[in-house]
């Protein structure tokens, strides 16, 4: 009876190049940029509304 001593590679820790976003290095950075831009746009709309009301 032979025992296989090689660890099982389930591929959980590997990052496939197809899973990476095209611009930044991680999806969390893209989510952060989207949230920051969203907050900036809301602030600009708020300022424009009060400036031209």
C-alpha atoms as a PDB file:
ATOM      1  CA  UNK A   1       0.000   0.000   0.000  1.00  0.00           C
ATOM      2  CA  UNK A   2       1.616   3.252  -1.171  1.00  0.00           C
ATOM      3  CA  UNK A   3       1.050   6.504   0.654  1.00  0.00           C
ATOM      4  CA  UNK A   4       0.949   9.665  -1.412  1.00  0.00           C
ATOM      5  CA  UNK A   5       3.079  12.236   0.424  1.00  0.00           C
ATOM      6  CA  UNK A   6       2.321  15.164  -1.906  1.00  0.00           C
ATOM      7  CA  UNK A   7      -0.099  17.760  -0.510  1.00  0.00           C
ATOM      8  CA  UNK A   8      -3.462  18.010  -2.162  1.00  0.00           C
ATOM      9  CA  UNK A   9      -3.775  21.148  -4.262  1.00  0.00           C
ATOM     10  CA  UNK A  10      -7.364  22.314  -4.122  1.00  0.00           C
ATOM     11  CA  UNK A  11      -6.632  25.630  -5.873  1.00  0.00           C
ATOM     12  CA  UNK A  12      -8.327  27.747  -3.221  1.00  0.00           C
ATOM     13  CA  UNK A  13      -5.327  29.987  -2.507  1.00  0.00           C
ATOM     14  CA  UNK A  14      -4.309  30.455  -6.120  1.00  0.00           C
ATOM     15  CA  UNK A  15      -5.408  33.610  -7.928  1.00  0.00           C
ATOM     16  CA  UNK A  16      -6.180  33.017 -11.560  1.00  0.00           C
ATOM     17  CA  UNK A  17      -5.168  35.816 -13.910  1.00  0.00           C
ATOM     18  CA  UNK A  18      -8.721  35.817 -15.308  1.00  0.00           C
ATOM     19  CA  UNK A  19     -10.051  36.734 -11.847  1.00  0.00           C
ATOM     20  CA  UNK A  20      -7.963  39.908 -11.562  1.00  0.00           C
ATOM     21  CA  UNK A  21      -9.512  43.242 -12.515  1.00  0.00           C
ATOM     22  CA  UNK A  22      -8.147  44.927 -15.635  1.00  0.00           C
ATOM     23  CA  UNK A  23      -7.155  48.239 -13.972  1.00  0.00           C
ATOM     24  CA  UNK A  24      -6.207  47.922 -10.293  1.00  0.00           C
ATOM     25  CA  UNK A  25      -4.562  45.022  -8.500  1.00  0.00           C
ATOM     26  CA  UNK A  26      -7.633  43.774  -6.606  1.00  0.00           C
ATOM     27  CA  UNK A  27     -11.407  43.943  -6.698  1.00  0.00           C
ATOM     28  CA  UNK A  28     -11.431  45.551  -3.224  1.00  0.00           C
ATOM     29  CA  UNK A  29      -9.525  48.530  -4.627  1.00  0.00           C
ATOM     30  CA  UNK A  30     -12.056  48.893  -7.440  1.00  0.00           C
ATOM     31  CA  UNK A  31     -14.928  48.775  -4.928  1.00  0.00           C
ATOM     32  CA  UNK A  32     -13.195  51.454  -2.836  1.00  0.00           C
ATOM     33  CA  UNK A  33     -12.723  53.707  -5.878  1.00  0.00           C
ATOM     34  CA  UNK A  34     -16.380  53.292  -6.851  1.00  0.00           C
ATOM     35  CA  UNK A  35     -17.560  54.152  -3.333  1.00  0.00           C
ATOM     36  CA  UNK A  36     -15.286  57.201  -3.128  1.00  0.00           C
ATOM     37  CA  UNK A  37     -16.441  58.465  -6.526  1.00  0.00           C
ATOM     38  CA  UNK A  38     -20.047  57.905  -5.486  1.00  0.00           C
ATOM     39  CA  UNK A  39     -19.508  60.015  -2.347  1.00  0.00           C
ATOM     40  CA  UNK A  40     -17.817  62.772  -4.391  1.00  0.00           C
ATOM     41  CA  UNK A  41     -20.696  62.894  -6.877  1.00  0.00           C
ATOM     42  CA  UNK A  42     -23.251  63.074  -4.051  1.00  0.00           C
ATOM     43  CA  UNK A  43     -21.279  65.913  -2.449  1.00  0.00           C
ATOM     44  CA  UNK A  44     -21.079  67.800  -5.761  1.00  0.00           C
ATOM     45  CA  UNK A  45     -24.830  67.451  -6.343  1.00  0.00           C
ATOM     46  CA  UNK A  46     -25.440  68.703  -2.804  1.00  0.00           C
ATOM     47  CA  UNK A  47     -23.191  71.730  -3.340  1.00  0.00           C
ATOM     48  CA  UNK A  48     -24.708  72.542  -6.749  1.00  0.00           C
ATOM     49  CA  UNK A  49     -28.226  72.263  -5.319  1.00  0.00           C
ATOM     50  CA  UNK A  50     -27.466  74.738  -2.552  1.00  0.00           C
ATOM     51  CA  UNK A  51     -25.484  77.070  -4.801  1.00  0.00           C
ATOM     52  CA  UNK A  52     -28.201  77.396  -7.456  1.00  0.00           C
ATOM     53  CA  UNK A  53     -31.304  77.094  -5.254  1.00  0.00           C
END
